[in-house]
């Protein structure tokens, strides 16, 4: 997505079309997705024909911030889906007093 939005922001660009399928194929994303799916069923060695993901530790890079945001979303989303699945109510409805009278003694 960064490649698509970045291409649209280039000053003076006359052709801002973006073919996601070409990037998907060129970056071999299908193979990486297949490898990730295998990890759902158990650990396995990293395939030698795929480049290993690199840790982005430079805090000034956009990828670093993207990784933080995606990491947060990857925890929050299943957590909230769990609340829906279990039928949880709101934690503190507006009609509940924060402290019950028996604790005020």
Foldseek 3Di string as FASTA:
>chain_A
DCVLVVLVPDPPDPDSDDDVVVVCVVQVVVVVVVVVVVVVVHDDDDDPVHDDDDDDPPPPDPVVVVVVVVVVCVVVVVVVVVCVVVVPDDPDDPPDDPDDPVVVD
